[in-house]
Amino acid sequence: MEILLWWLPPVVVTAGAMVWVGWAGRARSTEPDRSDAAQERFRAAIERDLPAAARQVHAVRPVRERSTGIAVRPSQRPVPTARDRADETRRSA
């Protein structure tokens, strides 16, 4: 019989979790809050000035080229040799 007492804490925790999930997941009204307090909060939020960071979003930013993952500097590209030029004129079947 004593071994059954070990089951008591998990059963209580499970039952409590089931009650909490049932309460938290209950059906609620989906109507918008049309109270005077809600409308006042909305009016105050709309009339507030935007922070400086939000206003700078529309500033023109330079367009960066997309990275290909290969770091090759234009000044360090290999110079094509005669063999490379010959490979370009070959045709494959």
PDB file of N, CA and C in Angstrom:
ATOM      1  N   MET A   1       0.813  -1.195   0.000  1.00  0.00           N
ATOM      2  CA  MET A   1       0.000   0.000   0.000  1.00  0.00           C
ATOM      3  C   MET A   1       0.865   1.271   0.000  1.00  0.00           C
ATOM      4  N   GLU A   2       2.030   1.200   0.640  1.00  0.00           N
ATOM      5  CA  GLU A   2       2.893   2.375   0.704  1.00  0.00           C
ATOM      6  C   GLU A   2       3.379   2.790  -0.685  1.00  0.00           C
ATOM      7  N   ILE A   3       3.525   1.829  -1.583  1.00  0.00           N
ATOM      8  CA  ILE A   3       4.015   2.139  -2.921  1.00  0.00           C
ATOM      9  C   ILE A   3       3.026   3.026  -3.677  1.00  0.00           C
ATOM     10  N   LEU A   4       1.756   2.909  -3.319  1.00  0.00           N
ATOM     11  CA  LEU A   4       0.754   3.747  -3.987  1.00  0.00           C
ATOM     12  C   LEU A   4       0.887   5.216  -3.605  1.00  0.00           C
ATOM     13  N   LEU A   5       1.499   5.495  -2.451  1.00  0.00           N
ATOM     14  CA  LEU A   5       1.698   6.893  -2.049  1.00  0.00           C
ATOM     15  C   LEU A   5       2.678   7.617  -2.991  1.00  0.00           C
ATOM     16  N   TRP A   6       3.540   6.865  -3.668  1.00  0.00           N
ATOM     17  CA  TRP A   6       4.452   7.480  -4.630  1.00  0.00           C
ATOM     18  C   TRP A   6       3.691   8.017  -5.834  1.00  0.00           C
ATOM     19  N   TRP A   7       2.529   7.474  -6.081  1.00  0.00           N
ATOM     20  CA  TRP A   7       1.731   7.932  -7.223  1.00  0.00           C
ATOM     21  C   TRP A   7       0.939   9.200  -6.902  1.00  0.00           C
ATOM     22  N   LEU A   8       0.813   9.529  -5.642  1.00  0.00           N
ATOM     23  CA  LEU A   8      -0.006  10.673  -5.251  1.00  0.00           C
ATOM     24  C   LEU A   8       0.507  12.014  -5.819  1.00  0.00           C
ATOM     25  N   PRO A   9       1.794  12.381  -5.678  1.00  0.00           N
ATOM     26  CA  PRO A   9       2.244  13.671  -6.227  1.00  0.00           C
ATOM     27  C   PRO A   9       2.055  13.794  -7.754  1.00  0.00           C
ATOM     28  N   PRO A  10       2.439  12.783  -8.570  1.00  0.00           N
ATOM     29  CA  PRO A  10       2.206  12.942 -10.003  1.00  0.00           C
ATOM     30  C   PRO A  10       0.730  13.049 -10.376  1.00  0.00           C
ATOM     31  N   VAL A  11      -0.121  12.343  -9.645  1.00  0.00           N
ATOM     32  CA  VAL A  11      -1.557  12.410  -9.931  1.00  0.00           C
ATOM     33  C   VAL A  11      -2.092  13.795  -9.586  1.00  0.00           C
ATOM     34  N   VAL A  12      -1.666  14.349  -8.465  1.00  0.00           N
ATOM     35  CA  VAL A  12      -2.119  15.692  -8.073  1.00  0.00           C
ATOM     36  C   VAL A  12      -1.628  16.733  -9.072  1.00  0.00           C
ATOM     37  N   VAL A  13      -0.367  16.641  -9.477  1.00  0.00           N
ATOM     38  CA  VAL A  13       0.185  17.598 -10.442  1.00  0.00           C
ATOM     39  C   VAL A  13      -0.535  17.468 -11.783  1.00  0.00           C
ATOM     40  N   THR A  14      -0.789  16.248 -12.228  1.00  0.00           N
ATOM     41  CA  THR A  14      -1.487  16.035 -13.497  1.00  0.00           C
ATOM     42  C   THR A  14      -2.900  16.584 -13.438  1.00  0.00           C
ATOM     43  N   ALA A  15      -3.608  16.318 -12.355  1.00  0.00           N
ATOM     44  CA  ALA A  15      -4.972  16.830 -12.206  1.00  0.00           C
ATOM     45  C   ALA A  15      -4.968  18.360 -12.172  1.00  0.00           C
ATOM     46  N   GLY A  16      -4.006  18.939 -11.460  1.00  0.00           N
ATOM     47  CA  GLY A  16      -3.908  20.403 -11.423  1.00  0.00           C
ATOM     48  C   GLY A  16      -3.618  20.984 -12.797  1.00  0.00           C
ATOM     49  N   ALA A  17      -2.745  20.334 -13.548  1.00  0.00           N
ATOM     50  CA  ALA A  17      -2.446  20.816 -14.902  1.00  0.00           C
ATOM     51  C   ALA A  17      -3.667  20.711 -15.801  1.00  0.00           C
ATOM     52  N   MET A  18      -4.443  19.645 -15.647  1.00  0.00           N
ATOM     53  CA  MET A  18      -5.647  19.491 -16.463  1.00  0.00           C
ATOM     54  C   MET A  18      -6.672  20.572 -16.134  1.00  0.00           C
ATOM     55  N   VAL A  19      -6.818  20.894 -14.861  1.00  0.00           N
ATOM     56  CA  VAL A  19      -7.749  21.959 -14.462  1.00  0.00           C
ATOM     57  C   VAL A  19      -7.272  23.302 -14.998  1.00  0.00           C
ATOM     58  N   TRP A  20      -5.968  23.589 -14.889  1.00  0.00           N
ATOM     59  CA  TRP A  20      -5.433  24.865 -15.366  1.00  0.00           C
ATOM     60  C   TRP A  20      -5.588  24.999 -16.881  1.00  0.00           C
ATOM     61  N   VAL A  21      -5.277  23.935 -17.633  1.00  0.00           N
ATOM     62  CA  VAL A  21      -5.416  23.989 -19.092  1.00  0.00           C
ATOM     63  C   VAL A  21      -6.877  24.155 -19.479  1.00  0.00           C
ATOM     64  N   GLY A  22      -7.761  23.490 -18.764  1.00  0.00           N
ATOM     65  CA  GLY A  22      -9.193  23.654 -19.044  1.00  0.00           C
ATOM     66  C   GLY A  22      -9.654  25.075 -18.802  1.00  0.00           C
ATOM     67  N   TRP A  23      -9.131  25.720 -17.767  1.00  0.00           N
ATOM     68  CA  TRP A  23      -9.518  27.104 -17.472  1.00  0.00           C
ATOM     69  C   TRP A  23      -8.872  28.064 -18.475  1.00  0.00           C
ATOM     70  N   ALA A  24      -7.594  27.870 -18.788  1.00  0.00           N
ATOM     71  CA  ALA A  24      -6.895  28.783 -19.697  1.00  0.00           C
ATOM     72  C   ALA A  24      -7.407  28.655 -21.133  1.00  0.00           C
ATOM     73  N   GLY A  25      -7.882  27.484 -21.510  1.00  0.00           N
ATOM     74  CA  GLY A  25      -8.346  27.278 -22.872  1.00  0.00           C
ATOM     75  C   GLY A  25      -9.834  27.452 -23.054  1.00  0.00           C
ATOM     76  N   ARG A  26     -10.497  28.041 -22.081  1.00  0.00           N
ATOM     77  CA  ARG A  26     -11.947  28.186 -22.159  1.00  0.00           C
ATOM     78  C   ARG A  26     -12.347  29.128 -23.296  1.00  0.00           C
ATOM     79  N   ALA A  27     -13.560  28.992 -23.727  1.00  0.00           N
ATOM     80  CA  ALA A  27     -14.075  29.849 -24.801  1.00  0.00           C
ATOM     81  C   ALA A  27     -14.243  31.265 -24.267  1.00  0.00           C
ATOM     82  N   ARG A  28     -13.769  32.205 -25.053  1.00  0.00           N
ATOM     83  CA  ARG A  28     -13.882  33.616 -24.671  1.00  0.00           C
ATOM     84  C   ARG A  28     -14.566  34.385 -25.783  1.00  0.00           C
ATOM     85  N   SER A  29     -15.020  35.533 -25.459  1.00  0.00           N
ATOM     86  CA  SER A  29     -15.667  36.385 -26.444  1.00  0.00           C
ATOM     87  C   SER A  29     -14.642  36.859 -27.470  1.00  0.00           C
ATOM     88  N   THR A  30     -14.999  36.783 -28.746  1.00  0.00           N
ATOM     89  CA  THR A  30     -14.098  37.236 -29.799  1.00  0.00           C
ATOM     90  C   THR A  30     -14.451  38.635 -30.285  1.00  0.00           C
ATOM     91  N   GLU A  31     -15.428  39.253 -29.647  1.00  0.00           N
ATOM     92  CA  GLU A  31     -15.803  40.609 -30.029  1.00  0.00           C
ATOM     93  C   GLU A  31     -14.708  41.584 -29.618  1.00  0.00           C
ATOM     94  N   PRO A  32     -14.489  42.630 -30.416  1.00  0.00           N
ATOM     95  CA  PRO A  32     -13.500  43.637 -30.008  1.00  0.00           C
ATOM     96  C   PRO A  32     -13.984  44.398 -28.781  1.00  0.00           C
ATOM     97  N   ASP A  33     -13.031  44.853 -28.004  1.00  0.00           N
ATOM     98  CA  ASP A  33     -13.339  45.613 -26.792  1.00  0.00           C
ATOM     99  C   ASP A  33     -13.731  47.029 -27.199  1.00  0.00           C
ATOM    100  N   ARG A  34     -14.986  47.373 -27.019  1.00  0.00           N
ATOM    101  CA  ARG A  34     -15.476  48.689 -27.431  1.00  0.00           C
ATOM    102  C   ARG A  34     -15.744  49.603 -26.231  1.00  0.00           C
ATOM    103  N   SER A  35     -15.114  49.317 -25.123  1.00  0.00           N
ATOM    104  CA  SER A  35     -15.347  50.153 -23.946  1.00  0.00           C
ATOM    105  C   SER A  35     -14.683  51.518 -24.134  1.00  0.00           C
ATOM    106  N   ASP A  36     -15.112  52.462 -23.343  1.00  0.00           N
ATOM    107  CA  ASP A  36     -14.550  53.810 -23.427  1.00  0.00           C
ATOM    108  C   ASP A  36     -13.065  53.814 -23.085  1.00  0.00           C
ATOM    109  N   ALA A  37     -12.672  52.993 -22.113  1.00  0.00           N
ATOM    110  CA  ALA A  37     -11.260  52.938 -21.726  1.00  0.00           C
ATOM    111  C   ALA A  37     -10.412  52.393 -22.871  1.00  0.00           C
ATOM    112  N   ALA A  38     -10.906  51.383 -23.577  1.00  0.00           N
ATOM    113  CA  ALA A  38     -10.153  50.821 -24.701  1.00  0.00           C
ATOM    114  C   ALA A  38     -10.041  51.836 -25.831  1.00  0.00           C
ATOM    115  N   GLN A  39     -11.108  52.559 -26.107  1.00  0.00           N
ATOM    116  CA  GLN A  39     -11.056  53.571 -27.163  1.00  0.00           C
ATOM    117  C   GLN A  39     -10.113  54.711 -26.783  1.00  0.00           C
ATOM    118  N   GLU A  40     -10.047  55.060 -25.523  1.00  0.00           N
ATOM    119  CA  GLU A  40      -9.133  56.107 -25.067  1.00  0.00           C
ATOM    120  C   GLU A  40      -7.674  55.654 -25.213  1.00  0.00           C
ATOM    121  N   ARG A  41      -7.393  54.398 -24.857  1.00  0.00           N
ATOM    122  CA  ARG A  41      -6.036  53.870 -25.028  1.00  0.00           C
ATOM    123  C   ARG A  41      -5.644  53.870 -26.507  1.00  0.00           C
ATOM    124  N   PHE A  42      -6.577  53.487 -27.376  1.00  0.00           N
ATOM    125  CA  PHE A  42      -6.298  53.467 -28.815  1.00  0.00           C
ATOM    126  C   PHE A  42      -6.024  54.879 -29.323  1.00  0.00           C
ATOM    127  N   ARG A  43      -6.842  55.857 -28.904  1.00  0.00           N
ATOM    128  CA  ARG A  43      -6.643  57.239 -29.351  1.00  0.00           C
ATOM    129  C   ARG A  43      -5.293  57.773 -28.890  1.00  0.00           C
ATOM    130  N   ALA A  44      -4.911  57.467 -27.660  1.00  0.00           N
ATOM    131  CA  ALA A  44      -3.628  57.937 -27.139  1.00  0.00           C
ATOM    132  C   ALA A  44      -2.470  57.296 -27.901  1.00  0.00           C
ATOM    133  N   ALA A  45      -2.606  56.031 -28.261  1.00  0.00           N
ATOM    134  CA  ALA A  45      -1.534  55.348 -28.994  1.00  0.00           C
ATOM    135  C   ALA A  45      -1.399  55.900 -30.407  1.00  0.00           C
ATOM    136  N   ILE A  46      -2.506  56.218 -31.049  1.00  0.00           N
ATOM    137  CA  ILE A  46      -2.466  56.737 -32.424  1.00  0.00           C
ATOM    138  C   ILE A  46      -1.876  58.144 -32.453  1.00  0.00           C
ATOM    139  N   GLU A  47      -2.174  58.953 -31.456  1.00  0.00           N
ATOM    140  CA  GLU A  47      -1.704  60.338 -31.445  1.00  0.00           C
ATOM    141  C   GLU A  47      -0.247  60.474 -31.004  1.00  0.00           C
ATOM    142  N   ARG A  48       0.315  59.442 -30.425  1.00  0.00           N
ATOM    143  CA  ARG A  48       1.693  59.495 -29.945  1.00  0.00           C
ATOM    144  C   ARG A  48       2.661  59.583 -31.129  1.00  0.00           C
ATOM    145  N   ASP A  49       3.767  60.341 -30.984  1.00  0.00           N
ATOM    146  CA  ASP A  49       4.787  60.431 -32.020  1.00  0.00           C
ATOM    147  C   ASP A  49       5.577  59.136 -32.093  1.00  0.00           C
ATOM    148  N   LEU A  50       6.031  58.815 -33.298  1.00  0.00           N
ATOM    149  CA  LEU A  50       6.847  57.627 -33.482  1.00  0.00           C
ATOM    150  C   LEU A  50       8.245  57.856 -32.922  1.00  0.00           C
ATOM    151  N   PRO A  51       8.902  56.836 -32.404  1.00  0.00           N
ATOM    152  CA  PRO A  51      10.284  56.999 -31.966  1.00  0.00           C
ATOM    153  C   PRO A  51      11.194  57.269 -33.170  1.00  0.00           C
ATOM    154  N   ALA A  52      12.344  57.859 -32.901  1.00  0.00           N
ATOM    155  CA  ALA A  52      13.267  58.222 -33.979  1.00  0.00           C
ATOM    156  C   ALA A  52      13.707  56.994 -34.774  1.00  0.00           C
ATOM    157  N   ALA A  53      13.884  55.863 -34.118  1.00  0.00           N
ATOM    158  CA  ALA A  53      14.331  54.648 -34.810  1.00  0.00           C
ATOM    159  C   ALA A  53      13.301  54.193 -35.830  1.00  0.00           C
ATOM    160  N   ALA A  54      12.029  54.343 -35.522  1.00  0.00           N
ATOM    161  CA  ALA A  54      10.977  53.915 -36.456  1.00  0.00           C
ATOM    162  C   ALA A  54      10.898  54.853 -37.654  1.00  0.00           C
ATOM    163  N   ARG A  55      11.218  56.123 -37.455  1.00  0.00           N
ATOM    164  CA  ARG A  55      11.164  57.069 -38.574  1.00  0.00           C
ATOM    165  C   ARG A  55      12.330  56.877 -39.525  1.00  0.00           C
ATOM    166  N   GLN A  56      13.433  56.318 -39.063  1.00  0.00           N
ATOM    167  CA  GLN A  56      14.598  56.143 -39.915  1.00  0.00           C
ATOM    168  C   GLN A  56      14.495  54.907 -40.794  1.00  0.00           C
ATOM    169  N   VAL A  57      13.471  54.101 -40.615  1.00  0.00           N
ATOM    170  CA  VAL A  57      13.309  52.885 -41.410  1.00  0.00           C
ATOM    171  C   VAL A  57      13.142  53.238 -42.874  1.00  0.00           C
ATOM    172  N   HIS A  58      12.517  54.364 -43.159  1.00  0.00           N
ATOM    173  CA  HIS A  58      12.244  54.744 -44.536  1.00  0.00           C
ATOM    174  C   HIS A  58      13.402  55.486 -45.190  1.00  0.00           C
ATOM    175  N   ALA A  59      14.518  55.637 -44.490  1.00  0.00           N
ATOM    176  CA  ALA A  59      15.680  56.294 -45.075  1.00  0.00           C
ATOM    177  C   ALA A  59      16.268  55.405 -46.177  1.00  0.00           C
ATOM    178  N   VAL A  60      16.895  56.028 -47.156  1.00  0.00           N
ATOM    179  CA  VAL A  60      17.477  55.281 -48.267  1.00  0.00           C
ATOM    180  C   VAL A  60      18.747  54.598 -47.791  1.00  0.00           C
ATOM    181  N   ARG A  61      18.806  53.303 -48.020  1.00  0.00           N
ATOM    182  CA  ARG A  61      19.978  52.530 -47.637  1.00  0.00           C
ATOM    183  C   ARG A  61      20.676  52.041 -48.888  1.00  0.00           C
ATOM    184  N   PRO A  62      21.990  51.985 -48.871  1.00  0.00           N
ATOM    185  CA  PRO A  62      22.695  51.484 -50.049  1.00  0.00           C
ATOM    186  C   PRO A  62      22.398  49.997 -50.248  1.00  0.00           C
ATOM    187  N   VAL A  63      22.260  49.607 -51.498  1.00  0.00           N
ATOM    188  CA  VAL A  63      21.976  48.214 -51.815  1.00  0.00           C
ATOM    189  C   VAL A  63      23.294  47.455 -51.856  1.00  0.00           C
ATOM    190  N   ARG A  64      23.367  46.409 -51.059  1.00  0.00           N
ATOM    191  CA  ARG A  64      24.584  45.597 -51.030  1.00  0.00           C
ATOM    192  C   ARG A  64      24.418  44.426 -51.977  1.00  0.00           C
ATOM    193  N   GLU A  65      25.536  44.025 -52.570  1.00  0.00           N
ATOM    194  CA  GLU A  65      25.501  42.849 -53.419  1.00  0.00           C
ATOM    195  C   GLU A  65      25.359  41.608 -52.554  1.00  0.00           C
ATOM    196  N   ARG A  66      24.658  40.644 -53.074  1.00  0.00           N
ATOM    197  CA  ARG A  66      24.448  39.409 -52.341  1.00  0.00           C
ATOM    198  C   ARG A  66      25.743  38.604 -52.305  1.00  0.00           C
ATOM    199  N   SER A  67      26.074  38.103 -51.137  1.00  0.00           N
ATOM    200  CA  SER A  67      27.300  37.345 -50.975  1.00  0.00           C
ATOM    201  C   SER A  67      27.147  35.959 -51.589  1.00  0.00           C
ATOM    202  N   THR A  68      28.172  35.506 -52.276  1.00  0.00           N
ATOM    203  CA  THR A  68      28.163  34.164 -52.852  1.00  0.00           C
ATOM    204  C   THR A  68      28.875  33.173 -51.949  1.00  0.00           C
ATOM    205  N   GLY A  69      29.500  33.666 -50.904  1.00  0.00           N
ATOM    206  CA  GLY A  69      30.217  32.788 -49.996  1.00  0.00           C
ATOM    207  C   GLY A  69      31.673  32.611 -50.374  1.00  0.00           C
ATOM    208  N   ILE A  70      32.086  33.156 -51.502  1.00  0.00           N
ATOM    209  CA  ILE A  70      33.477  33.038 -51.937  1.00  0.00           C
ATOM    210  C   ILE A  70      34.107  34.419 -51.838  1.00  0.00           C
ATOM    211  N   ALA A  71      35.215  34.509 -51.135  1.00  0.00           N
ATOM    212  CA  ALA A  71      35.872  35.792 -50.952  1.00  0.00           C
ATOM    213  C   ALA A  71      37.012  35.920 -51.966  1.00  0.00           C
ATOM    214  N   VAL A  72      36.740  36.595 -53.058  1.00  0.00           N
ATOM    215  CA  VAL A  72      37.764  36.837 -54.079  1.00  0.00           C
ATOM    216  C   VAL A  72      37.780  38.335 -54.332  1.00  0.00           C
ATOM    217  N   ARG A  73      38.920  38.928 -54.137  1.00  0.00           N
ATOM    218  CA  ARG A  73      39.030  40.357 -54.381  1.00  0.00           C
ATOM    219  C   ARG A  73      39.263  40.599 -55.866  1.00  0.00           C
ATOM    220  N   PRO A  74      38.683  41.649 -56.412  1.00  0.00           N
ATOM    221  CA  PRO A  74      38.837  41.905 -57.841  1.00  0.00           C
ATOM    222  C   PRO A  74      40.297  42.049 -58.265  1.00  0.00           C
ATOM    223  N   SER A  75      41.137  42.587 -57.383  1.00  0.00           N
ATOM    224  CA  SER A  75      42.539  42.783 -57.742  1.00  0.00           C
ATOM    225  C   SER A  75      43.331  41.478 -57.693  1.00  0.00           C
ATOM    226  N   GLN A  76      42.757  40.424 -57.143  1.00  0.00           N
ATOM    227  CA  GLN A  76      43.494  39.179 -56.982  1.00  0.00           C
ATOM    228  C   GLN A  76      42.955  38.052 -57.858  1.00  0.00           C
ATOM    229  N   ARG A  77      42.148  38.384 -58.843  1.00  0.00           N
ATOM    230  CA  ARG A  77      41.650  37.341 -59.729  1.00  0.00           C
ATOM    231  C   ARG A  77      42.781  36.836 -60.602  1.00  0.00           C
ATOM    232  N   PRO A  78      42.824  35.544 -60.869  1.00  0.00           N
ATOM    233  CA  PRO A  78      43.914  35.005 -61.688  1.00  0.00           C
ATOM    234  C   PRO A  78      43.803  35.494 -63.133  1.00  0.00           C
ATOM    235  N   VAL A  79      44.938  35.730 -63.715  1.00  0.00           N
ATOM    236  CA  VAL A  79      45.000  36.169 -65.104  1.00  0.00           C
ATOM    237  C   VAL A  79      44.840  34.927 -65.985  1.00  0.00           C
ATOM    238  N   PRO A  80      43.926  34.944 -66.978  1.00  0.00           N
ATOM    239  CA  PRO A  80      43.750  33.766 -67.822  1.00  0.00           C
ATOM    240  C   PRO A  80      45.001  33.497 -68.662  1.00  0.00           C
ATOM    241  N   THR A  81      45.366  32.227 -68.712  1.00  0.00           N
ATOM    242  CA  THR A  81      46.536  31.830 -69.492  1.00  0.00           C
ATOM    243  C   THR A  81      46.079  31.354 -70.867  1.00  0.00           C
ATOM    244  N   ALA A  82      47.053  31.043 -71.730  1.00  0.00           N
ATOM    245  CA  ALA A  82      46.737  30.569 -73.071  1.00  0.00           C
ATOM    246  C   ALA A  82      45.979  29.245 -72.995  1.00  0.00           C
ATOM    247  N   ARG A  83      46.318  28.405 -72.034  1.00  0.00           N
ATOM    248  CA  ARG A  83      45.638  27.121 -71.890  1.00  0.00           C
ATOM    249  C   ARG A  83      44.171  27.332 -71.515  1.00  0.00           C
ATOM    250  N   ASP A  84      43.909  28.308 -70.633  1.00  0.00           N
ATOM    251  CA  ASP A  84      42.529  28.599 -70.249  1.00  0.00           C
ATOM    252  C   ASP A  84      41.733  29.089 -71.452  1.00  0.00           C
ATOM    253  N   ARG A  85      42.356  29.926 -72.282  1.00  0.00           N
ATOM    254  CA  ARG A  85      41.660  30.433 -73.475  1.00  0.00           C
ATOM    255  C   ARG A  85      41.389  29.302 -74.457  1.00  0.00           C
ATOM    256  N   ALA A  86      42.298  28.336 -74.527  1.00  0.00           N
ATOM    257  CA  ALA A  86      42.103  27.193 -75.429  1.00  0.00           C
ATOM    258  C   ALA A  86      40.943  26.337 -74.929  1.00  0.00           C
ATOM    259  N   ASP A  87      40.793  26.206 -73.620  1.00  0.00           N
ATOM    260  CA  ASP A  87      39.690  25.426 -73.062  1.00  0.00           C
ATOM    261  C   ASP A  87      38.349  26.066 -73.369  1.00  0.00           C
ATOM    262  N   GLU A  88      38.312  27.391 -73.466  1.00  0.00           N
ATOM    263  CA  GLU A  88      37.074  28.067 -73.751  1.00  0.00           C
ATOM    264  C   GLU A  88      36.587  27.803 -75.176  1.00  0.00           C
ATOM    265  N   THR A  89      37.514  27.544 -76.102  1.00  0.00           N
ATOM    266  CA  THR A  89      37.121  27.337 -77.504  1.00  0.00           C
ATOM    267  C   THR A  89      36.783  25.902 -77.793  1.00  0.00           C
ATOM    268  N   ARG A  90      37.103  24.979 -76.897  1.00  0.00           N
ATOM    269  CA  ARG A  90      36.776  23.582 -77.113  1.00  0.00           C
ATOM    270  C   ARG A  90      35.284  23.349 -76.958  1.00  0.00           C
ATOM    271  N   ARG A  91      34.803  22.384 -77.691  1.00  0.00           N
ATOM    272  CA  ARG A  91      33.407  22.011 -77.589  1.00  0.00           C
ATOM    273  C   ARG A  91      33.315  20.626 -76.981  1.00  0.00           C
ATOM    274  N   SER A  92      32.339  20.442 -76.144  1.00  0.00           N
ATOM    275  CA  SER A  92      32.146  19.126 -75.565  1.00  0.00           C
ATOM    276  C   SER A  92      31.000  18.432 -76.301  1.00  0.00           C
ATOM    277  N   ALA A  93      31.044  17.128 -76.314  1.00  0.00           N
ATOM    278  CA  ALA A  93      30.050  16.373 -77.064  1.00  0.00           C
ATOM    279  C   ALA A  93      28.768  16.236 -76.312  1.00  0.00           C
TER     280      ALA A  93
END
